[in-house]
N, C-alpha and C. Protein backbone atom coordinates (compact mmCIF):
# COMPACT_ATOMS: atom_id res chain seq x y z
N MET A 1 0.83 -1.20 0.00
CA MET A 1 0.00 0.00 0.00
C MET A 1 0.87 1.26 0.00
N SER A 2 2.12 1.16 0.42
CA SER A 2 2.96 2.36 0.47
C SER A 2 3.16 2.97 -0.92
N ALA A 3 3.32 2.14 -1.94
CA ALA A 3 3.49 2.66 -3.31
C ALA A 3 2.22 3.39 -3.75
N PHE A 4 1.06 2.88 -3.38
CA PHE A 4 -0.20 3.52 -3.74
C PHE A 4 -0.38 4.83 -2.97
N ASN A 5 0.07 4.86 -1.72
CA ASN A 5 -0.04 6.10 -0.92
C ASN A 5 0.89 7.18 -1.43
N GLN A 6 2.08 6.80 -1.92
CA GLN A 6 3.03 7.79 -2.43
C GLN A 6 2.57 8.40 -3.74
N THR A 7 1.91 7.61 -4.59
CA THR A 7 1.44 8.09 -5.89
C THR A 7 -0.01 7.66 -6.07
N PRO A 8 -0.96 8.34 -5.39
CA PRO A 8 -2.35 7.89 -5.40
C PRO A 8 -3.04 7.97 -6.76
N ASP A 9 -2.52 8.78 -7.68
CA ASP A 9 -3.17 8.92 -8.98
C ASP A 9 -2.64 7.96 -10.03
N GLN A 10 -1.63 7.17 -9.69
CA GLN A 10 -1.02 6.27 -10.66
C GLN A 10 -1.55 4.85 -10.50
N ALA A 11 -1.81 4.20 -11.63
CA ALA A 11 -2.24 2.80 -11.63
C ALA A 11 -1.02 1.92 -11.88
N PHE A 12 -0.95 0.79 -11.18
CA PHE A 12 0.18 -0.12 -11.28
C PHE A 12 -0.27 -1.50 -11.70
N ARG A 13 0.61 -2.20 -12.38
CA ARG A 13 0.48 -3.63 -12.61
C ARG A 13 1.29 -4.32 -11.52
N ALA A 14 1.01 -5.58 -11.25
CA ALA A 14 1.70 -6.32 -10.19
C ALA A 14 3.20 -6.34 -10.44
N ARG A 15 3.62 -6.61 -11.66
CA ARG A 15 5.05 -6.67 -11.97
C ARG A 15 5.72 -5.30 -11.76
N GLU A 16 5.03 -4.22 -12.10
CA GLU A 16 5.56 -2.89 -11.89
C GLU A 16 5.78 -2.61 -10.40
N LEU A 17 4.85 -3.06 -9.57
CA LEU A 17 5.01 -2.89 -8.12
C LEU A 17 6.23 -3.64 -7.62
N HIS A 18 6.43 -4.84 -8.11
CA HIS A 18 7.60 -5.63 -7.71
C HIS A 18 8.89 -4.91 -8.07
N GLU A 19 8.96 -4.38 -9.28
CA GLU A 19 10.15 -3.66 -9.71
C GLU A 19 10.36 -2.39 -8.89
N LEU A 20 9.29 -1.66 -8.62
CA LEU A 20 9.36 -0.43 -7.86
C LEU A 20 9.85 -0.68 -6.43
N LEU A 21 9.37 -1.77 -5.83
CA LEU A 21 9.70 -2.07 -4.44
C LEU A 21 10.93 -2.95 -4.29
N GLY A 22 11.55 -3.33 -5.41
CA GLY A 22 12.76 -4.16 -5.34
C GLY A 22 12.49 -5.59 -4.94
N MET A 23 11.29 -6.08 -5.22
CA MET A 23 10.92 -7.46 -4.90
C MET A 23 11.27 -8.37 -6.07
N PRO A 24 11.37 -9.68 -5.83
CA PRO A 24 11.65 -10.60 -6.94
C PRO A 24 10.54 -10.56 -7.98
N THR A 25 10.91 -10.69 -9.25
CA THR A 25 9.92 -10.60 -10.32
C THR A 25 9.64 -11.96 -10.96
N ASP A 26 9.93 -13.04 -10.25
CA ASP A 26 9.59 -14.35 -10.80
C ASP A 26 8.07 -14.51 -10.81
N GLU A 27 7.60 -15.36 -11.69
CA GLU A 27 6.15 -15.48 -11.94
C GLU A 27 5.36 -15.85 -10.68
N ALA A 28 5.91 -16.73 -9.84
CA ALA A 28 5.19 -17.15 -8.63
C ALA A 28 4.98 -15.96 -7.68
N SER A 29 6.00 -15.16 -7.49
CA SER A 29 5.89 -14.01 -6.59
C SER A 29 4.90 -12.98 -7.13
N VAL A 30 4.94 -12.74 -8.43
CA VAL A 30 4.04 -11.76 -9.04
C VAL A 30 2.60 -12.26 -8.95
N ASN A 31 2.37 -13.55 -9.11
CA ASN A 31 1.02 -14.10 -9.00
C ASN A 31 0.45 -13.93 -7.60
N ILE A 32 1.28 -14.07 -6.59
CA ILE A 32 0.84 -13.85 -5.21
C ILE A 32 0.40 -12.40 -5.03
N THR A 33 1.18 -11.48 -5.59
CA THR A 33 0.83 -10.06 -5.50
C THR A 33 -0.46 -9.78 -6.26
N ARG A 34 -0.64 -10.40 -7.42
CA ARG A 34 -1.90 -10.22 -8.17
C ARG A 34 -3.08 -10.65 -7.32
N SER A 35 -2.93 -11.76 -6.62
CA SER A 35 -4.00 -12.24 -5.75
C SER A 35 -4.29 -11.24 -4.63
N ARG A 36 -3.25 -10.70 -4.04
CA ARG A 36 -3.43 -9.72 -2.96
C ARG A 36 -4.07 -8.43 -3.48
N LEU A 37 -3.66 -8.00 -4.67
CA LEU A 37 -4.26 -6.81 -5.26
C LEU A 37 -5.75 -7.03 -5.54
N GLY A 38 -6.09 -8.23 -5.99
CA GLY A 38 -7.49 -8.55 -6.22
C GLY A 38 -8.30 -8.51 -4.94
N ARG A 39 -7.71 -9.01 -3.87
CA ARG A 39 -8.39 -9.00 -2.57
C ARG A 39 -8.59 -7.55 -2.09
N LEU A 40 -7.56 -6.71 -2.24
CA LEU A 40 -7.69 -5.31 -1.83
C LEU A 40 -8.71 -4.57 -2.69
N THR A 41 -8.83 -4.96 -3.95
CA THR A 41 -9.85 -4.36 -4.82
C THR A 41 -11.25 -4.77 -4.37
N ARG A 42 -11.44 -6.04 -4.08
CA ARG A 42 -12.75 -6.51 -3.61
C ARG A 42 -13.13 -5.89 -2.27
N GLN A 43 -12.14 -5.60 -1.43
CA GLN A 43 -12.42 -5.00 -0.12
C GLN A 43 -12.65 -3.49 -0.21
N GLY A 44 -12.38 -2.91 -1.39
CA GLY A 44 -12.66 -1.50 -1.58
C GLY A 44 -11.50 -0.55 -1.35
N PHE A 45 -10.31 -1.06 -1.10
CA PHE A 45 -9.16 -0.19 -0.89
C PHE A 45 -8.58 0.31 -2.22
N LEU A 46 -8.72 -0.50 -3.27
CA LEU A 46 -8.19 -0.16 -4.58
C LEU A 46 -9.31 -0.20 -5.62
N THR A 47 -9.08 0.46 -6.75
CA THR A 47 -9.97 0.36 -7.89
C THR A 47 -9.18 -0.26 -9.04
N GLN A 48 -9.89 -0.68 -10.06
CA GLN A 48 -9.25 -1.30 -11.21
C GLN A 48 -9.61 -0.48 -12.46
N PRO A 49 -8.79 0.55 -12.78
CA PRO A 49 -9.11 1.41 -13.92
C PRO A 49 -8.94 0.74 -15.28
N GLY A 50 -8.24 -0.35 -15.32
CA GLY A 50 -8.03 -1.10 -16.56
C GLY A 50 -7.69 -2.52 -16.21
N ARG A 51 -7.75 -3.39 -17.19
CA ARG A 51 -7.47 -4.80 -16.94
C ARG A 51 -6.03 -4.97 -16.45
N GLY A 52 -5.89 -5.59 -15.28
CA GLY A 52 -4.57 -5.86 -14.71
C GLY A 52 -3.92 -4.68 -14.01
N ARG A 53 -4.62 -3.57 -13.92
CA ARG A 53 -4.06 -2.38 -13.28
C ARG A 53 -4.87 -2.05 -12.02
N CYS A 54 -4.16 -1.62 -10.99
CA CYS A 54 -4.83 -1.25 -9.74
C CYS A 54 -4.37 0.13 -9.33
N GLN A 55 -5.31 0.86 -8.72
CA GLN A 55 -5.06 2.24 -8.30
C GLN A 55 -5.76 2.45 -6.97
N LYS A 56 -5.19 3.33 -6.15
CA LYS A 56 -5.79 3.64 -4.86
C LYS A 56 -7.14 4.31 -5.06
N ARG A 57 -8.12 3.88 -4.29
CA ARG A 57 -9.46 4.50 -4.35
C ARG A 57 -9.36 5.88 -3.70
N THR A 58 -9.90 6.86 -4.38
CA THR A 58 -9.84 8.24 -3.85
C THR A 58 -11.15 8.65 -3.24
């Protein structure tokens, strides 16, 4: 959530978040992040402005 708080108007893909935060970019790690982003979207913390992209709800 820190990346979303720093740039609330920017939408990210899971792989972009991994690169931004210096996390491993292997497919398994990115898939876990995709799952977490989906959960945060369903809970209302994030919106999905485009397919595969997540942005902080304003």
